[in-house]
Protein backbone atom coordinates (compact mmCIF):
# COMPACT_ATOMS: atom_id res chain seq x y z
CA MET A 1 113.95 126.09 65.64
CA PRO A 2 112.18 122.96 66.96
CA THR A 3 109.87 123.42 70.01
CA ARG A 4 110.89 121.67 73.22
CA GLU A 5 108.04 119.15 72.64
CA GLU A 6 109.41 118.29 69.11
CA GLN A 7 112.84 117.90 70.60
CA LEU A 8 111.38 115.49 73.15
CA PHE A 9 109.67 113.49 70.50
CA ARG A 10 112.84 113.37 68.36
CA TRP A 11 114.96 112.05 71.25
CA LEU A 12 112.13 109.46 72.00
CA ASP A 13 112.13 108.40 68.39
CA ARG A 14 115.90 107.78 68.66
CA LEU A 15 115.20 105.36 71.44
CA ASP A 16 112.81 103.41 69.21
CA ARG A 17 115.75 102.65 66.78
CA ASP A 18 117.56 99.47 67.64
CA ASP A 19 120.92 100.91 66.91
CA GLU A 20 123.96 98.99 68.29
CA ASP A 21 126.07 102.01 67.76
CA ASP A 22 123.78 104.08 70.16
CA GLN A 23 125.85 105.90 72.61
CA THR A 24 125.42 105.45 76.23
CA VAL A 25 126.41 107.64 79.18
CA VAL A 26 127.33 106.83 82.75
CA THR A 27 125.10 108.71 85.04
CA SER A 28 124.46 108.73 88.83
CA ILE A 29 121.11 109.30 90.52
CA ARG A 30 120.15 109.69 94.08
CA MET A 31 117.08 107.61 95.22
CA PRO A 32 115.63 106.68 98.50
CA ALA A 33 117.34 103.65 99.93
CA ALA A 34 113.95 101.85 100.28
CA LEU A 35 113.27 102.43 96.62
CA ARG A 36 116.77 100.92 95.64
CA GLU A 37 116.20 97.88 97.80
CA ALA A 38 112.62 97.22 96.48
CA LEU A 39 114.11 97.62 92.97
CA ARG A 40 116.83 95.02 93.82
CA VAL A 41 114.25 92.63 95.10
CA ALA A 42 111.97 93.18 92.14
CA VAL A 43 114.95 92.26 89.80
CA ASP A 44 115.75 89.24 91.87
CA LEU A 45 111.97 88.27 91.36
CA GLY A 46 112.31 88.62 87.52
CA MET A 47 111.15 92.19 86.84
CA ASP A 48 114.16 92.89 84.57
CA ALA A 49 117.60 91.45 84.05
CA THR A 50 119.43 94.23 86.10
CA VAL A 51 118.67 97.21 88.30
CA ASN A 52 120.10 99.35 85.47
CA ASP A 53 117.59 97.81 82.91
CA ALA A 54 114.66 98.30 85.36
CA THR A 55 115.67 101.91 86.03
CA ILE A 56 115.96 102.76 82.22
CA ARG A 57 112.58 101.07 81.53
CA ALA A 58 110.94 103.02 84.24
CA VAL A 59 112.29 106.45 83.14
CA ARG A 60 111.57 105.62 79.53
CA ASP A 61 108.06 104.66 80.37
CA ARG A 62 107.43 107.85 82.24
CA LEU A 63 109.03 109.97 79.51
CA GLU A 64 106.74 108.33 76.92
CA THR A 65 103.61 108.78 79.01
CA PHE A 66 104.51 112.47 79.60
CA ALA A 67 105.17 113.00 75.91
CA GLN A 68 101.81 111.33 74.95
CA ARG A 69 100.01 113.55 77.54
CA ALA A 70 101.78 116.67 76.27
CA ALA A 71 100.83 116.00 72.77
CA LEU A 72 97.22 115.19 73.63
CA ALA A 73 97.00 118.53 75.49
CA ALA A 74 98.43 120.42 72.57
CA HIS A 75 95.95 118.65 70.23
CA TYR A 76 93.05 119.61 72.45
CA ALA A 77 94.35 123.12 72.66
CA ARG A 78 94.25 123.30 68.88
CA HIS A 79 91.02 121.49 68.58
CA PRO A 80 88.88 121.87 71.64
CA GLU A 81 85.93 120.22 70.10
CA ALA A 82 87.78 116.96 69.86
CA ARG A 83 88.03 116.73 73.66
CA PRO A 84 85.72 113.91 74.81
CA SER A 85 82.95 114.90 77.23
CA LEU A 86 82.91 113.61 80.80
CA ALA A 87 80.11 111.33 79.84
CA GLU A 88 82.01 109.78 76.86
CA LEU A 89 84.93 109.29 79.08
CA ALA A 90 82.81 107.47 81.66
CA LEU A 91 81.24 105.41 78.84
CA ALA A 92 84.73 104.41 77.52
CA ALA A 93 85.87 103.54 81.08
CA ALA A 94 82.65 101.44 81.55
CA GLU A 95 83.28 99.63 78.21
CA LEU A 96 86.94 98.94 79.12
CA ASP A 97 85.92 97.53 82.56
CA GLY A 98 83.03 95.54 81.19
CA ASP A 99 80.73 97.42 83.49
CA PRO A 100 76.99 96.87 82.71
CA LEU A 101 76.58 100.69 82.65
CA ALA A 102 78.38 100.70 79.31
CA ASP A 103 75.01 99.50 77.84
CA GLU A 104 73.34 102.72 79.12
CA PRO A 105 75.03 105.77 77.53
CA ALA A 106 71.90 108.10 78.05
CA PHE A 107 71.97 107.19 81.74
CA LEU A 108 75.69 107.91 81.92
CA ARG A 109 75.06 111.22 80.21
CA ARG A 110 72.58 112.12 82.83
CA ALA A 111 74.71 110.92 85.63
CA ALA A 112 77.60 112.95 84.34
CA ASP A 113 75.45 116.19 84.24
CA GLN A 114 74.34 115.47 87.86
CA VAL A 115 77.68 114.74 89.25
CA VAL A 116 79.26 117.77 87.68
CA ALA A 117 76.64 119.95 89.41
CA VAL A 118 77.92 118.61 92.76
CA ARG A 119 81.53 118.28 91.76
CA PRO A 120 82.73 120.41 88.87
CA ASP A 121 86.13 118.62 88.62
CA ALA A 122 84.55 115.18 88.63
CA SER A 123 86.37 112.43 86.85
CA SER A 124 84.93 109.51 84.77
CA ASP A 125 85.36 107.17 87.79
CA ASP A 126 83.19 109.75 89.76
CA VAL A 127 80.53 109.50 87.21
CA LEU A 128 80.61 105.69 87.22
CA VAL A 129 80.30 105.62 90.99
CA TRP A 130 77.45 108.18 90.89
CA ALA A 131 75.72 106.11 88.23
CA ALA A 132 76.15 102.89 90.09
CA ALA A 133 74.80 104.42 93.18
CA LEU A 134 71.76 105.78 91.39
CA ARG A 135 71.10 102.38 89.87
CA SER A 136 71.29 100.84 93.29
CA VAL A 137 68.86 103.19 94.73
CA GLN A 138 66.54 102.67 91.85
CA ALA A 139 66.80 98.94 92.20
CA SER A 140 65.84 99.02 95.94
CA ALA A 141 63.06 101.42 95.56
């Protein structure tokens, strides 16, 4: 029997097939009135062709993001050594942002160690802010 995660991926795979015979169902959802009106305005501004298309895209995007995160969490549970360190995450974030700290991986590793001592649940953004503050203090000293 497939796991719930496998079932989710199977259904998402079916969405990827461009099948004209794919069945649709009529459904009804309750949403805050302000969200509905904002969605209508966004569609008028060109976000999607219809409110229905926008809603389907939003739900699908959220499902795919959830499935990817679940798969990654399962992978890390099976292979904990594959999980990147906080310093590695900070370095990757710096590289993506074009942050000059990306050129200083050793400095980011030290910053990650320092920030975790103060904030054990620190994020890569916390490390980058900490490192930037340290750099600023060093530059003004």
